[in-house]
Amino acid sequence: RKLDFIAQEMNREANTILSKTSDLEISNRGIELKTEIEKVREQIQNIE
């Protein structure tokens, strides 16, 4: 459960970055980051 919480917080931070940037490269990286975080969350849920 703690790992899931950490993944949720990482996702919130990525959302914050995306909402505050107007730089296309940062936006693209932020979207990639969110995709990877979601993969991690899926793995965490499989473990728990």
C-alpha atoms as a PDB file:
ATOM      1  CA  ARG A   1       0.000   0.000   0.000  1.00  0.00           C
ATOM      2  CA  LYS A   2       2.826   2.363   0.783  1.00  0.00           C
ATOM      3  CA  LEU A   3       4.366   1.781  -2.648  1.00  0.00           C
ATOM      4  CA  ASP A   4       1.034   2.549  -4.298  1.00  0.00           C
ATOM      5  CA  PHE A   5       0.858   5.792  -2.339  1.00  0.00           C
ATOM      6  CA  ILE A   6       4.363   6.741  -3.478  1.00  0.00           C
ATOM      7  CA  ALA A   7       3.422   6.010  -7.094  1.00  0.00           C
ATOM      8  CA  GLN A   8       0.325   8.201  -6.715  1.00  0.00           C
ATOM      9  CA  GLU A   9       2.479  11.020  -5.363  1.00  0.00           C
ATOM     10  CA  MET A  10       4.898  10.638  -8.267  1.00  0.00           C
ATOM     11  CA  ASN A  11       1.952  10.881 -10.641  1.00  0.00           C
ATOM     12  CA  ARG A  12       0.719  14.041  -8.918  1.00  0.00           C
ATOM     13  CA  GLU A  13       4.169  15.594  -9.228  1.00  0.00           C
ATOM     14  CA  ALA A  14       4.269  14.723 -12.933  1.00  0.00           C
ATOM     15  CA  ASN A  15       0.840  16.336 -13.340  1.00  0.00           C
ATOM     16  CA  THR A  16       2.121  19.464 -11.609  1.00  0.00           C
ATOM     17  CA  ILE A  17       5.102  19.655 -13.948  1.00  0.00           C
ATOM     18  CA  LEU A  18       2.852  19.224 -16.977  1.00  0.00           C
ATOM     19  CA  SER A  19       0.393  21.861 -15.817  1.00  0.00           C
ATOM     20  CA  LYS A  20       3.131  24.443 -15.225  1.00  0.00           C
ATOM     21  CA  THR A  21       5.218  24.049 -18.369  1.00  0.00           C
ATOM     22  CA  SER A  22       4.791  25.498 -21.820  1.00  0.00           C
ATOM     23  CA  ASP A  23       7.959  23.832 -23.113  1.00  0.00           C
ATOM     24  CA  LEU A  24       7.157  21.099 -25.632  1.00  0.00           C
ATOM     25  CA  GLU A  25      10.167  18.941 -24.727  1.00  0.00           C
ATOM     26  CA  ILE A  26       9.291  19.004 -21.035  1.00  0.00           C
ATOM     27  CA  SER A  27       5.676  18.190 -21.892  1.00  0.00           C
ATOM     28  CA  ASN A  28       6.741  15.200 -23.969  1.00  0.00           C
ATOM     29  CA  ARG A  29       9.032  13.947 -21.207  1.00  0.00           C
ATOM     30  CA  GLY A  30       6.290  14.481 -18.640  1.00  0.00           C
ATOM     31  CA  ILE A  31       3.876  12.356 -20.647  1.00  0.00           C
ATOM     32  CA  GLU A  32       6.512   9.627 -20.944  1.00  0.00           C
ATOM     33  CA  LEU A  33       7.062   9.868 -17.199  1.00  0.00           C
ATOM     34  CA  LYS A  34       3.353   9.435 -16.501  1.00  0.00           C
ATOM     35  CA  THR A  35       3.283   6.367 -18.752  1.00  0.00           C
ATOM     36  CA  GLU A  36       6.187   4.802 -16.872  1.00  0.00           C
ATOM     37  CA  ILE A  37       4.658   5.650 -13.498  1.00  0.00           C
ATOM     38  CA  GLU A  38       1.452   3.911 -14.567  1.00  0.00           C
ATOM     39  CA  LYS A  39       3.454   0.804 -15.486  1.00  0.00           C
ATOM     40  CA  VAL A  40       5.055   0.874 -12.036  1.00  0.00           C
ATOM     41  CA  ARG A  41       1.636   1.203 -10.391  1.00  0.00           C
ATOM     42  CA  GLU A  42       0.388  -1.831 -12.293  1.00  0.00           C
ATOM     43  CA  GLN A  43       3.387  -3.835 -11.100  1.00  0.00           C
ATOM     44  CA  ILE A  44       2.823  -2.691  -7.519  1.00  0.00           C
ATOM     45  CA  GLN A  45      -0.814  -3.768  -7.667  1.00  0.00           C
ATOM     46  CA  ASN A  46       0.239  -7.181  -8.983  1.00  0.00           C
ATOM     47  CA  ILE A  47       2.603  -7.594  -6.029  1.00  0.00           C
ATOM     48  CA  GLU A  48       0.090  -6.460  -3.420  1.00  0.00           C
END
